[in-house]
Amino acid sequence: IRIQKSTGGDNWEDVIFLDAQGNGNFTGKVVSSQFEGGSIDIGDGVFTVDSAGNVVSRSMTIIGGILIITRNDNKARVVIDGISGFKIQKGDGSGKNWTDMVYIDTEGNANFTGIITGGVIRTSAEGARIEISNNQLKHYNNSERLQGLCTNTIANQFGDVEVYDGGELIFRVYVDTSSGAWLRQENGKPLFIGRSGHNTYCYGNWTGVIQNLTREQASEKEDWLNNQIVVVDKELKMWNGTELVPIGANYTEGLTFSTGTQLISLGKHYTVSHAPHATAYNDVNYELTNGIKASTNYRDSEYVGWEHVDVLDIDFDFEILMSIKEVIVSGLSSTSVGIYIPQ
């Protein structure tokens, strides 16, 4: 069966041709509401659809619309939309309710609600960047050298935290699985703690921070640091640049770690002969030696107060023998509300 067209002469051209084998050839448009069975082959394999619905395309451009690929059980689908981007969604099986699990919009923003496993994550392809790979976190500078905070969980490091400067390791938090963590300088670099003009506090028991020496060991020591504090035969002393001097008795600046004066009572524990007021002025975590000065407001919780106590004894524990040069006690006088300064 053939349907032909002519320009008006004897020259006829097949427009539709159906042969005895059932093959159909169409040179124009095929307009239909439904195709059943068979397969589609356009361009000799360029675009094919087999009888099972599998589609193969060597190249495809979709302008407008949405491409949705849904799993048979309606519990997962992929949505590609030229306006809103790419989505992997989870469904409840009804085919109506869908939740974004992975979402990448047209601005390049990616959202993940699950776990990202494997691969390399970089904030930049090169230069200054953060890189996560092989269970490691690395910071690089513009010269492609490690810079700043990095982690090291390989080579039996068990989760060390490292600090680099221009590719050189300068500091490490060393994790020892049997005895805790160590703060360690690396490659001969110094370690500074604190900042000028700011207070630095240490709590708990510190071992090895202040050397405990005999007189013989102190006399043989040569690597003194200015203002270094040591304990010599149970007496607290400081190296003033030329010799060891007792702290408090003969050293006018008191207990000094760098410059200025430091209270030797700071952070120390104590006991009192009478318990303070249980509600208004209770003592929480040794407020008298926590280094925080109360305001002039009598409701300030930093105050510790007693009621109907004539004599009060406070015993401080300095842990080691030391000389005391001066004792300073601050208090509040607000007679209008019945608060009087100690006599």
C-alpha atoms as a PDB file:
ATOM      1  CA  ILE A   1       0.000   0.000   0.000  1.00  0.00           C
ATOM      2  CA  ARG A   2       1.393   3.351  -0.999  1.00  0.00           C
ATOM      3  CA  ILE A   3       0.247   6.885  -0.660  1.00  0.00           C
ATOM      4  CA  GLN A   4       2.095   9.135  -3.100  1.00  0.00           C
ATOM      5  CA  LYS A   5       2.234  12.801  -3.960  1.00  0.00           C
ATOM      6  CA  SER A   6       3.189  14.621  -7.162  1.00  0.00           C
ATOM      7  CA  THR A   7       4.037  18.133  -8.098  1.00  0.00           C
ATOM      8  CA  GLY A   8       1.597  17.914 -11.000  1.00  0.00           C
ATOM      9  CA  GLY A   9       3.336  15.721 -13.609  1.00  0.00           C
ATOM     10  CA  ASP A  10       4.146  12.038 -13.857  1.00  0.00           C
ATOM     11  CA  ASN A  11       6.724  12.146 -11.062  1.00  0.00           C
ATOM     12  CA  TRP A  12       5.271  10.488  -7.954  1.00  0.00           C
ATOM     13  CA  GLU A  13       6.901  10.253  -4.532  1.00  0.00           C
ATOM     14  CA  ASP A  14       6.003   7.733  -1.802  1.00  0.00           C
ATOM     15  CA  VAL A  15       4.681   9.501   1.270  1.00  0.00           C
ATOM     16  CA  ILE A  16       3.438   6.415   3.114  1.00  0.00           C
ATOM     17  CA  PHE A  17       4.497   2.886   2.140  1.00  0.00           C
ATOM     18  CA  LEU A  18       3.293  -0.300   3.834  1.00  0.00           C
ATOM     19  CA  ASP A  19       4.872  -3.485   2.443  1.00  0.00           C
ATOM     20  CA  ALA A  20       3.708  -7.095   2.631  1.00  0.00           C
ATOM     21  CA  GLN A  21       5.967  -7.728   5.633  1.00  0.00           C
ATOM     22  CA  GLY A  22       4.142  -5.161   7.750  1.00  0.00           C
ATOM     23  CA  ASN A  23       6.896  -2.538   7.565  1.00  0.00           C
ATOM     24  CA  GLY A  24       5.662   1.027   7.408  1.00  0.00           C
ATOM     25  CA  ASN A  25       7.520   4.043   6.052  1.00  0.00           C
ATOM     26  CA  PHE A  26       6.321   7.575   6.785  1.00  0.00           C
ATOM     27  CA  THR A  27       7.996  10.720   5.416  1.00  0.00           C
ATOM     28  CA  GLY A  28       5.784  13.144   7.339  1.00  0.00           C
ATOM     29  CA  LYS A  29       4.472  13.399  10.855  1.00  0.00           C
ATOM     30  CA  VAL A  30       2.844  10.505  12.645  1.00  0.00           C
ATOM     31  CA  VAL A  31       0.104  11.838  14.894  1.00  0.00           C
ATOM     32  CA  SER A  32      -1.389   9.317  17.293  1.00  0.00           C
ATOM     33  CA  SER A  33      -2.777   9.064  20.799  1.00  0.00           C
ATOM     34  CA  GLN A  34      -1.345   5.610  21.525  1.00  0.00           C
ATOM     35  CA  PHE A  35       1.211   3.069  20.270  1.00  0.00           C
ATOM     36  CA  GLU A  36       0.979  -0.543  21.361  1.00  0.00           C
ATOM     37  CA  GLY A  37       3.705  -3.172  21.028  1.00  0.00           C
ATOM     38  CA  GLY A  38       6.787  -3.201  18.842  1.00  0.00           C
ATOM     39  CA  SER A  39       9.786  -0.895  19.108  1.00  0.00           C
ATOM     40  CA  ILE A  40      11.003   2.455  17.885  1.00  0.00           C
ATOM     41  CA  ASP A  41      14.264   3.061  16.006  1.00  0.00           C
ATOM     42  CA  ILE A  42      15.045   6.584  14.852  1.00  0.00           C
ATOM     43  CA  GLY A  43      18.229   7.303  12.906  1.00  0.00           C
ATOM     44  CA  ASP A  44      19.470   3.716  12.725  1.00  0.00           C
ATOM     45  CA  GLY A  45      20.131   3.337  16.445  1.00  0.00           C
ATOM     46  CA  VAL A  46      20.475   7.016  17.346  1.00  0.00           C
ATOM     47  CA  PHE A  47      17.274   6.814  19.395  1.00  0.00           C
ATOM     48  CA  THR A  48      15.616   3.485  20.191  1.00  0.00           C
ATOM     49  CA  VAL A  49      12.841   2.199  22.406  1.00  0.00           C
ATOM     50  CA  ASP A  50      12.464  -1.577  22.689  1.00  0.00           C
ATOM     51  CA  SER A  51       9.317  -3.527  23.483  1.00  0.00           C
ATOM     52  CA  ALA A  52      10.205  -3.553  27.205  1.00  0.00           C
ATOM     53  CA  GLY A  53      10.330   0.235  27.333  1.00  0.00           C
ATOM     54  CA  ASN A  54      14.132   0.582  27.514  1.00  0.00           C
ATOM     55  CA  VAL A  55      15.334   3.806  25.907  1.00  0.00           C
ATOM     56  CA  VAL A  56      18.743   4.281  24.302  1.00  0.00           C
ATOM     57  CA  SER A  57      19.778   7.685  23.023  1.00  0.00           C
ATOM     58  CA  ARG A  58      23.206   8.737  21.743  1.00  0.00           C
ATOM     59  CA  SER A  59      22.397  12.354  22.494  1.00  0.00           C
ATOM     60  CA  MET A  60      19.362  14.025  24.006  1.00  0.00           C
ATOM     61  CA  THR A  61      18.327  17.609  24.637  1.00  0.00           C
ATOM     62  CA  ILE A  62      15.172  18.259  26.645  1.00  0.00           C
ATOM     63  CA  ILE A  63      13.836  21.807  26.472  1.00  0.00           C
ATOM     64  CA  GLY A  64      11.343  22.609  29.180  1.00  0.00           C
ATOM     65  CA  GLY A  65       9.391  20.066  31.169  1.00  0.00           C
ATOM     66  CA  ILE A  66      10.537  17.590  33.800  1.00  0.00           C
ATOM     67  CA  LEU A  67      12.134  14.153  33.523  1.00  0.00           C
ATOM     68  CA  ILE A  68      10.962  11.798  36.306  1.00  0.00           C
ATOM     69  CA  ILE A  69      12.231   8.241  36.787  1.00  0.00           C
ATOM     70  CA  THR A  70      10.223   6.372  39.444  1.00  0.00           C
ATOM     71  CA  ARG A  71      10.943   3.004  41.031  1.00  0.00           C
ATOM     72  CA  ASN A  72       8.209   0.382  40.703  1.00  0.00           C
ATOM     73  CA  ASP A  73       7.289   0.491  44.402  1.00  0.00           C
ATOM     74  CA  ASN A  74       6.922   4.304  44.441  1.00  0.00           C
ATOM     75  CA  LYS A  75       9.489   4.593  47.243  1.00  0.00           C
ATOM     76  CA  ALA A  76      12.264   6.285  45.246  1.00  0.00           C
ATOM     77  CA  ARG A  77      12.520   8.497  42.195  1.00  0.00           C
ATOM     78  CA  VAL A  78      14.852  10.854  40.337  1.00  0.00           C
ATOM     79  CA  VAL A  79      13.596  14.240  39.154  1.00  0.00           C
ATOM     80  CA  ILE A  80      15.485  16.397  36.633  1.00  0.00           C
ATOM     81  CA  ASP A  81      14.064  19.846  36.121  1.00  0.00           C
ATOM     82  CA  GLY A  82      15.697  22.634  34.131  1.00  0.00           C
ATOM     83  CA  ILE A  83      14.299  25.197  36.574  1.00  0.00           C
ATOM     84  CA  SER A  84      14.704  23.650  40.033  1.00  0.00           C
ATOM     85  CA  GLY A  85      17.637  21.276  39.367  1.00  0.00           C
ATOM     86  CA  PHE A  86      18.311  17.619  40.195  1.00  0.00           C
ATOM     87  CA  LYS A  87      16.607  15.686  42.987  1.00  0.00           C
ATOM     88  CA  ILE A  88      16.667  12.189  44.424  1.00  0.00           C
ATOM     89  CA  GLN A  89      13.488  11.728  46.418  1.00  0.00           C
ATOM     90  CA  LYS A  90      12.085   9.166  48.854  1.00  0.00           C
ATOM     91  CA  GLY A  91       8.436   8.200  48.728  1.00  0.00           C
ATOM     92  CA  ASP A  92       5.997   6.502  51.087  1.00  0.00           C
ATOM     93  CA  GLY A  93       4.761   4.063  48.418  1.00  0.00           C
ATOM     94  CA  SER A  94       1.602   5.968  47.556  1.00  0.00           C
ATOM     95  CA  GLY A  95       3.158   7.806  44.613  1.00  0.00           C
ATOM     96  CA  LYS A  96       1.908  11.112  46.025  1.00  0.00           C
ATOM     97  CA  ASN A  97       4.194  12.056  48.913  1.00  0.00           C
ATOM     98  CA  TRP A  98       7.873  12.668  48.150  1.00  0.00           C
ATOM     99  CA  THR A  99      10.767  13.987  50.282  1.00  0.00           C
ATOM    100  CA  ASP A 100      14.013  15.430  48.863  1.00  0.00           C
ATOM    101  CA  MET A 101      17.007  13.340  49.975  1.00  0.00           C
ATOM    102  CA  VAL A 102      19.610  14.740  47.576  1.00  0.00           C
ATOM    103  CA  TYR A 103      18.993  18.111  45.960  1.00  0.00           C
ATOM    104  CA  ILE A 104      21.286  20.068  43.629  1.00  0.00           C
ATOM    105  CA  ASP A 105      19.844  23.336  42.364  1.00  0.00           C
ATOM    106  CA  THR A 106      20.755  25.309  39.261  1.00  0.00           C
ATOM    107  CA  GLU A 107      23.087  27.565  41.302  1.00  0.00           C
ATOM    108  CA  GLY A 108      25.297  24.588  42.189  1.00  0.00           C
ATOM    109  CA  ASN A 109      24.111  24.344  45.787  1.00  0.00           C
ATOM    110  CA  ALA A 110      23.958  20.740  47.009  1.00  0.00           C
ATOM    111  CA  ASN A 111      21.891  19.430  49.915  1.00  0.00           C
ATOM    112  CA  PHE A 112      22.302  15.942  51.391  1.00  0.00           C
ATOM    113  CA  THR A 113      20.145  14.513  54.170  1.00  0.00           C
ATOM    114  CA  GLY A 114      21.986  11.194  54.408  1.00  0.00           C
ATOM    115  CA  ILE A 115      25.599  10.034  54.723  1.00  0.00           C
ATOM    116  CA  ILE A 116      28.334  10.885  52.208  1.00  0.00           C
ATOM    117  CA  THR A 117      30.729   7.953  51.917  1.00  0.00           C
ATOM    118  CA  GLY A 118      34.083   7.870  50.133  1.00  0.00           C
ATOM    119  CA  GLY A 119      35.604  10.200  47.587  1.00  0.00           C
ATOM    120  CA  VAL A 120      37.252  13.609  48.033  1.00  0.00           C
ATOM    121  CA  ILE A 121      35.522  16.840  49.052  1.00  0.00           C
ATOM    122  CA  ARG A 122      37.331  20.092  48.141  1.00  0.00           C
ATOM    123  CA  THR A 123      36.228  23.687  48.605  1.00  0.00           C
ATOM    124  CA  SER A 124      38.356  24.590  45.564  1.00  0.00           C
ATOM    125  CA  ALA A 125      40.048  22.644  42.780  1.00  0.00           C
ATOM    126  CA  GLU A 126      43.430  24.207  43.645  1.00  0.00           C
ATOM    127  CA  GLY A 127      45.093  26.862  45.803  1.00  0.00           C
ATOM    128  CA  ALA A 128      43.733  27.802  49.248  1.00  0.00           C
ATOM    129  CA  ARG A 129      41.128  25.214  50.194  1.00  0.00           C
ATOM    130  CA  ILE A 130      39.842  22.689  52.701  1.00  0.00           C
ATOM    131  CA  GLU A 131      40.024  19.063  51.662  1.00  0.00           C
ATOM    132  CA  ILE A 132      38.373  16.028  53.228  1.00  0.00           C
ATOM    133  CA  SER A 133      39.619  12.654  52.033  1.00  0.00           C
ATOM    134  CA  ASN A 134      40.827   9.321  53.388  1.00  0.00           C
ATOM    135  CA  ASN A 135      39.332  10.194  56.793  1.00  0.00           C
ATOM    136  CA  GLN A 136      41.545  13.298  56.942  1.00  0.00           C
ATOM    137  CA  LEU A 137      40.863  17.048  57.181  1.00  0.00           C
ATOM    138  CA  LYS A 138      43.485  19.239  55.499  1.00  0.00           C
ATOM    139  CA  HIS A 139      43.862  23.002  55.004  1.00  0.00           C
ATOM    140  CA  TYR A 140      46.019  24.258  52.119  1.00  0.00           C
ATOM    141  CA  ASN A 141      47.342  27.743  51.377  1.00  0.00           C
ATOM    142  CA  ASN A 142      47.712  29.379  47.952  1.00  0.00           C
ATOM    143  CA  SER A 143      51.105  27.680  47.537  1.00  0.00           C
ATOM    144  CA  GLU A 144      49.560  24.208  47.852  1.00  0.00           C
ATOM    145  CA  ARG A 145      51.173  23.732  51.284  1.00  0.00           C
ATOM    146  CA  LEU A 146      49.460  22.567  54.440  1.00  0.00           C
ATOM    147  CA  GLN A 147      48.415  25.549  56.561  1.00  0.00           C
ATOM    148  CA  GLY A 148      46.634  25.764  59.889  1.00  0.00           C
ATOM    149  CA  LEU A 149      44.568  23.009  61.448  1.00  0.00           C
ATOM    150  CA  CYS A 150      44.731  19.463  60.044  1.00  0.00           C
ATOM    151  CA  THR A 151      43.936  15.994  61.330  1.00  0.00           C
ATOM    152  CA  ASN A 152      45.968  12.824  61.151  1.00  0.00           C
ATOM    153  CA  THR A 153      44.306   9.479  61.709  1.00  0.00           C
ATOM    154  CA  ILE A 154      46.691   7.350  59.659  1.00  0.00           C
ATOM    155  CA  ALA A 155      50.151   5.930  60.380  1.00  0.00           C
ATOM    156  CA  ASN A 156      48.955   4.808  63.862  1.00  0.00           C
ATOM    157  CA  GLN A 157      48.274   8.406  64.941  1.00  0.00           C
ATOM    158  CA  PHE A 158      44.828   7.555  66.374  1.00  0.00           C
ATOM    159  CA  GLY A 159      43.257  10.960  65.722  1.00  0.00           C
ATOM    160  CA  ASP A 160      46.077  13.487  66.224  1.00  0.00           C
ATOM    161  CA  VAL A 161      45.308  17.152  65.562  1.00  0.00           C
ATOM    162  CA  GLU A 162      48.162  18.993  63.823  1.00  0.00           C
ATOM    163  CA  VAL A 163      48.947  22.640  63.058  1.00  0.00           C
ATOM    164  CA  TYR A 164      51.062  23.560  60.021  1.00  0.00           C
ATOM    165  CA  ASP A 165      52.709  26.771  58.859  1.00  0.00           C
ATOM    166  CA  GLY A 166      53.737  26.859  55.213  1.00  0.00           C
ATOM    167  CA  GLY A 167      53.863  23.070  55.026  1.00  0.00           C
ATOM    168  CA  GLU A 168      55.904  22.669  58.225  1.00  0.00           C
ATOM    169  CA  LEU A 169      54.405  20.876  61.230  1.00  0.00           C
ATOM    170  CA  ILE A 170      54.716  23.213  64.250  1.00  0.00           C
ATOM    171  CA  PHE A 171      52.285  21.802  66.834  1.00  0.00           C
ATOM    172  CA  ARG A 172      50.449  18.562  67.537  1.00  0.00           C
ATOM    173  CA  VAL A 173      47.787  17.332  69.922  1.00  0.00           C
ATOM    174  CA  TYR A 174      49.134  13.813  70.273  1.00  0.00           C
ATOM    175  CA  VAL A 175      46.590  11.160  71.232  1.00  0.00           C
ATOM    176  CA  ASP A 176      48.058   8.350  73.289  1.00  0.00           C
ATOM    177  CA  THR A 177      45.539   5.514  73.531  1.00  0.00           C
ATOM    178  CA  SER A 178      46.943   4.401  76.876  1.00  0.00           C
ATOM    179  CA  SER A 179      47.765   7.635  78.722  1.00  0.00           C
ATOM    180  CA  GLY A 180      45.620  10.461  77.312  1.00  0.00           C
ATOM    181  CA  ALA A 181      46.570  13.425  75.124  1.00  0.00           C
ATOM    182  CA  TRP A 182      49.780  15.469  74.790  1.00  0.00           C
ATOM    183  CA  LEU A 183      50.284  19.064  73.622  1.00  0.00           C
ATOM    184  CA  ARG A 184      53.573  18.913  71.710  1.00  0.00           C
ATOM    185  CA  GLN A 185      55.679  21.434  69.845  1.00  0.00           C
ATOM    186  CA  GLU A 186      57.190  20.144  66.610  1.00  0.00           C
ATOM    187  CA  ASN A 187      60.333  20.997  64.637  1.00  0.00           C
ATOM    188  CA  GLY A 188      61.737  23.201  67.392  1.00  0.00           C
ATOM    189  CA  LYS A 189      58.887  25.718  67.341  1.00  0.00           C
ATOM    190  CA  PRO A 190      57.895  27.410  70.649  1.00  0.00           C
ATOM    191  CA  LEU A 191      54.462  27.163  72.226  1.00  0.00           C
ATOM    192  CA  PHE A 192      52.861  30.292  73.683  1.00  0.00           C
ATOM    193  CA  ILE A 193      49.767  30.121  75.909  1.00  0.00           C
ATOM    194  CA  GLY A 194      47.731  33.211  76.773  1.00  0.00           C
ATOM    195  CA  ARG A 195      47.748  36.790  75.529  1.00  0.00           C
ATOM    196  CA  SER A 196      49.169  39.980  76.944  1.00  0.00           C
ATOM    197  CA  GLY A 197      46.524  41.908  78.840  1.00  0.00           C
ATOM    198  CA  HIS A 198      44.318  38.855  79.292  1.00  0.00           C
ATOM    199  CA  ASN A 199      44.053  36.479  82.223  1.00  0.00           C
ATOM    200  CA  THR A 200      44.896  32.795  81.802  1.00  0.00           C
ATOM    201  CA  TYR A 201      43.505  30.270  84.288  1.00  0.00           C
ATOM    202  CA  CYS A 202      44.460  26.659  84.885  1.00  0.00           C
ATOM    203  CA  TYR A 203      42.287  24.243  86.869  1.00  0.00           C
ATOM    204  CA  GLY A 204      42.892  20.805  88.328  1.00  0.00           C
ATOM    205  CA  ASN A 205      46.235  19.239  89.162  1.00  0.00           C
ATOM    206  CA  TRP A 206      49.144  20.217  86.890  1.00  0.00           C
ATOM    207  CA  THR A 207      52.162  17.946  86.885  1.00  0.00           C
ATOM    208  CA  GLY A 208      55.501  18.943  85.417  1.00  0.00           C
ATOM    209  CA  VAL A 209      54.528  22.576  84.770  1.00  0.00           C
ATOM    210  CA  ILE A 210      56.507  23.976  87.694  1.00  0.00           C
ATOM    211  CA  GLN A 211      59.716  22.047  88.150  1.00  0.00           C
ATOM    212  CA  ASN A 212      60.402  20.611  91.569  1.00  0.00           C
ATOM    213  CA  LEU A 213      64.169  20.786  92.111  1.00  0.00           C
ATOM    214  CA  THR A 214      66.653  20.155  94.851  1.00  0.00           C
ATOM    215  CA  ARG A 215      69.198  22.874  95.642  1.00  0.00           C
ATOM    216  CA  GLU A 216      71.858  20.873  93.794  1.00  0.00           C
ATOM    217  CA  GLN A 217      69.670  20.548  90.694  1.00  0.00           C
ATOM    218  CA  ALA A 218      68.843  24.254  90.754  1.00  0.00           C
ATOM    219  CA  SER A 219      72.517  25.211  90.970  1.00  0.00           C
ATOM    220  CA  GLU A 220      73.360  22.982  87.994  1.00  0.00           C
ATOM    221  CA  LYS A 221      70.477  24.152  85.815  1.00  0.00           C
ATOM    222  CA  GLU A 222      71.629  26.367  82.893  1.00  0.00           C
ATOM    223  CA  ASP A 223      68.587  26.701  80.617  1.00  0.00           C
ATOM    224  CA  TRP A 224      66.731  29.255  82.749  1.00  0.00           C
ATOM    225  CA  LEU A 225      63.959  31.406  81.282  1.00  0.00           C
ATOM    226  CA  ASN A 226      63.287  34.896  82.593  1.00  0.00           C
ATOM    227  CA  ASN A 227      60.518  34.835  85.231  1.00  0.00           C
ATOM    228  CA  GLN A 228      60.571  31.029  85.298  1.00  0.00           C
ATOM    229  CA  ILE A 229      59.018  29.636  88.477  1.00  0.00           C
ATOM    230  CA  VAL A 230      60.349  26.537  90.216  1.00  0.00           C
ATOM    231  CA  VAL A 231      60.027  24.822  93.568  1.00  0.00           C
ATOM    232  CA  VAL A 232      63.383  24.404  95.310  1.00  0.00           C
ATOM    233  CA  ASP A 233      63.258  22.264  98.427  1.00  0.00           C
ATOM    234  CA  LYS A 234      59.519  23.055  98.885  1.00  0.00           C
ATOM    235  CA  GLU A 235      60.064  26.805  98.475  1.00  0.00           C
ATOM    236  CA  LEU A 236      58.576  28.674  95.514  1.00  0.00           C
ATOM    237  CA  LYS A 237      61.192  30.746  93.673  1.00  0.00           C
ATOM    238  CA  MET A 238      61.573  32.693  90.438  1.00  0.00           C
ATOM    239  CA  TRP A 239      64.554  33.250  88.121  1.00  0.00           C
ATOM    240  CA  ASN A 240      64.893  37.029  87.737  1.00  0.00           C
ATOM    241  CA  GLY A 241      67.496  36.851  84.975  1.00  0.00           C
ATOM    242  CA  THR A 242      70.531  36.462  87.208  1.00  0.00           C
ATOM    243  CA  GLU A 243      69.497  34.415  90.227  1.00  0.00           C
ATOM    244  CA  LEU A 244      66.663  32.600  91.981  1.00  0.00           C
ATOM    245  CA  VAL A 245      64.674  34.757  94.376  1.00  0.00           C
ATOM    246  CA  PRO A 246      61.862  33.742  96.741  1.00  0.00           C
ATOM    247  CA  ILE A 247      58.444  34.810  95.515  1.00  0.00           C
ATOM    248  CA  GLY A 248      56.625  37.244  97.770  1.00  0.00           C
ATOM    249  CA  ALA A 249      59.369  37.894 100.331  1.00  0.00           C
ATOM    250  CA  ASN A 250      62.118  39.521  98.278  1.00  0.00           C
ATOM    251  CA  TYR A 251      60.490  39.863  94.866  1.00  0.00           C
ATOM    252  CA  THR A 252      58.524  43.090  94.625  1.00  0.00           C
ATOM    253  CA  GLU A 253      56.293  42.055  91.684  1.00  0.00           C
ATOM    254  CA  GLY A 254      54.745  39.057  93.426  1.00  0.00           C
ATOM    255  CA  LEU A 255      53.936  35.866  91.529  1.00  0.00           C
ATOM    256  CA  THR A 256      54.603  36.817  87.883  1.00  0.00           C
ATOM    257  CA  PHE A 257      54.317  34.501  84.901  1.00  0.00           C
ATOM    258  CA  SER A 258      55.203  37.082  82.248  1.00  0.00           C
ATOM    259  CA  THR A 259      54.688  40.677  83.333  1.00  0.00           C
ATOM    260  CA  GLY A 260      52.520  42.263  85.985  1.00  0.00           C
ATOM    261  CA  THR A 261      51.216  40.818  89.243  1.00  0.00           C
ATOM    262  CA  GLN A 262      49.329  37.569  89.707  1.00  0.00           C
ATOM    263  CA  LEU A 263      47.347  36.660  92.804  1.00  0.00           C
ATOM    264  CA  ILE A 264      48.715  33.469  94.319  1.00  0.00           C
ATOM    265  CA  SER A 265      45.264  32.700  95.739  1.00  0.00           C
ATOM    266  CA  LEU A 266      43.657  32.576  92.285  1.00  0.00           C
ATOM    267  CA  GLY A 267      41.787  29.326  91.798  1.00  0.00           C
ATOM    268  CA  LYS A 268      42.876  27.927  95.153  1.00  0.00           C
ATOM    269  CA  HIS A 269      40.493  25.936  97.348  1.00  0.00           C
ATOM    270  CA  TYR A 270      39.571  26.892 100.888  1.00  0.00           C
ATOM    271  CA  THR A 271      37.376  25.934 103.813  1.00  0.00           C
ATOM    272  CA  VAL A 272      35.249  28.213 106.025  1.00  0.00           C
ATOM    273  CA  SER A 273      34.355  27.881 109.672  1.00  0.00           C
ATOM    274  CA  HIS A 274      30.715  28.847 109.057  1.00  0.00           C
ATOM    275  CA  ALA A 275      28.562  28.082 106.044  1.00  0.00           C
ATOM    276  CA  PRO A 276      27.464  31.167 104.054  1.00  0.00           C
ATOM    277  CA  HIS A 277      23.866  32.243 103.544  1.00  0.00           C
ATOM    278  CA  ALA A 278      22.218  29.280 101.797  1.00  0.00           C
ATOM    279  CA  THR A 279      20.001  31.209  99.355  1.00  0.00           C
ATOM    280  CA  ALA A 280      21.073  34.803  98.737  1.00  0.00           C
ATOM    281  CA  TYR A 281      24.873  34.548  99.040  1.00  0.00           C
ATOM    282  CA  ASN A 282      25.859  30.909  98.788  1.00  0.00           C
ATOM    283  CA  ASP A 283      29.388  29.948  97.705  1.00  0.00           C
ATOM    284  CA  VAL A 284      29.469  28.007  94.418  1.00  0.00           C
ATOM    285  CA  ASN A 285      32.811  26.632  93.147  1.00  0.00           C
ATOM    286  CA  TYR A 286      35.040  28.756  95.387  1.00  0.00           C
ATOM    287  CA  GLU A 287      33.824  32.212  94.347  1.00  0.00           C
ATOM    288  CA  LEU A 288      36.240  34.025  96.685  1.00  0.00           C
ATOM    289  CA  THR A 289      39.227  32.927  94.557  1.00  0.00           C
ATOM    290  CA  ASN A 290      37.737  32.627  91.059  1.00  0.00           C
ATOM    291  CA  GLY A 291      39.197  35.970  89.921  1.00  0.00           C
ATOM    292  CA  ILE A 292      35.796  37.537  89.165  1.00  0.00           C
ATOM    293  CA  LYS A 293      35.085  40.825  90.948  1.00  0.00           C
ATOM    294  CA  ALA A 294      31.461  41.456  91.879  1.00  0.00           C
ATOM    295  CA  SER A 295      29.622  44.625  90.901  1.00  0.00           C
ATOM    296  CA  THR A 296      28.171  47.185  93.336  1.00  0.00           C
ATOM    297  CA  ASN A 297      24.753  45.550  92.994  1.00  0.00           C
ATOM    298  CA  TYR A 298      24.087  43.717  96.253  1.00  0.00           C
ATOM    299  CA  ARG A 299      22.129  41.079  94.309  1.00  0.00           C
ATOM    300  CA  ASP A 300      25.255  40.084  92.350  1.00  0.00           C
ATOM    301  CA  SER A 301      25.644  36.306  92.636  1.00  0.00           C
ATOM    302  CA  GLU A 302      29.452  36.650  92.856  1.00  0.00           C
ATOM    303  CA  TYR A 303      29.128  37.819  96.474  1.00  0.00           C
ATOM    304  CA  VAL A 304      29.508  35.345  99.334  1.00  0.00           C
ATOM    305  CA  GLY A 305      27.756  36.447 102.520  1.00  0.00           C
ATOM    306  CA  TRP A 306      27.178  35.358 106.114  1.00  0.00           C
ATOM    307  CA  GLU A 307      24.433  36.246 108.547  1.00  0.00           C
ATOM    308  CA  HIS A 308      24.810  36.519 112.330  1.00  0.00           C
ATOM    309  CA  VAL A 309      28.455  35.371 112.299  1.00  0.00           C
ATOM    310  CA  ASP A 310      30.813  37.253 114.620  1.00  0.00           C
ATOM    311  CA  VAL A 311      34.077  35.437 113.824  1.00  0.00           C
ATOM    312  CA  LEU A 312      34.826  33.734 110.505  1.00  0.00           C
ATOM    313  CA  ASP A 313      37.901  31.630 109.713  1.00  0.00           C
ATOM    314  CA  ILE A 314      38.888  30.935 106.097  1.00  0.00           C
ATOM    315  CA  ASP A 315      41.690  28.405 105.507  1.00  0.00           C
ATOM    316  CA  PHE A 316      43.319  28.539 102.046  1.00  0.00           C
ATOM    317  CA  ASP A 317      45.205  25.584 100.575  1.00  0.00           C
ATOM    318  CA  PHE A 318      48.185  26.821  98.504  1.00  0.00           C
ATOM    319  CA  GLU A 319      49.408  23.229  98.004  1.00  0.00           C
ATOM    320  CA  ILE A 320      53.066  24.229  98.406  1.00  0.00           C
ATOM    321  CA  LEU A 321      55.062  26.352 100.830  1.00  0.00           C
ATOM    322  CA  MET A 322      55.265  29.990  99.717  1.00  0.00           C
ATOM    323  CA  SER A 323      55.804  33.469 101.085  1.00  0.00           C
ATOM    324  CA  ILE A 324      52.846  35.879 101.275  1.00  0.00           C
ATOM    325  CA  LYS A 325      53.529  39.559 100.855  1.00  0.00           C
ATOM    326  CA  GLU A 326      50.039  41.044 101.037  1.00  0.00           C
ATOM    327  CA  VAL A 327      46.469  39.998 101.819  1.00  0.00           C
ATOM    328  CA  ILE A 328      43.620  41.906 100.146  1.00  0.00           C
ATOM    329  CA  VAL A 329      39.975  41.389 101.066  1.00  0.00           C
ATOM    330  CA  SER A 330      37.170  43.153  99.200  1.00  0.00           C
ATOM    331  CA  GLY A 331      33.611  43.411 100.409  1.00  0.00           C
ATOM    332  CA  LEU A 332      30.339  45.322 100.058  1.00  0.00           C
ATOM    333  CA  SER A 333      28.819  47.886 102.375  1.00  0.00           C
ATOM    334  CA  SER A 334      25.143  48.616 101.723  1.00  0.00           C
ATOM    335  CA  THR A 335      23.631  49.515 105.088  1.00  0.00           C
ATOM    336  CA  SER A 336      20.248  50.427 103.593  1.00  0.00           C
ATOM    337  CA  VAL A 337      19.620  46.727 102.968  1.00  0.00           C
ATOM    338  CA  GLY A 338      21.464  45.483 106.060  1.00  0.00           C
ATOM    339  CA  ILE A 339      24.837  44.609 104.454  1.00  0.00           C
ATOM    340  CA  TYR A 340      27.999  45.598 106.319  1.00  0.00           C
ATOM    341  CA  ILE A 341      31.643  45.254 105.373  1.00  0.00           C
ATOM    342  CA  PRO A 342      33.680  42.842 107.548  1.00  0.00           C
ATOM    343  CA  GLN A 343      35.507  44.480 110.465  1.00  0.00           C
END
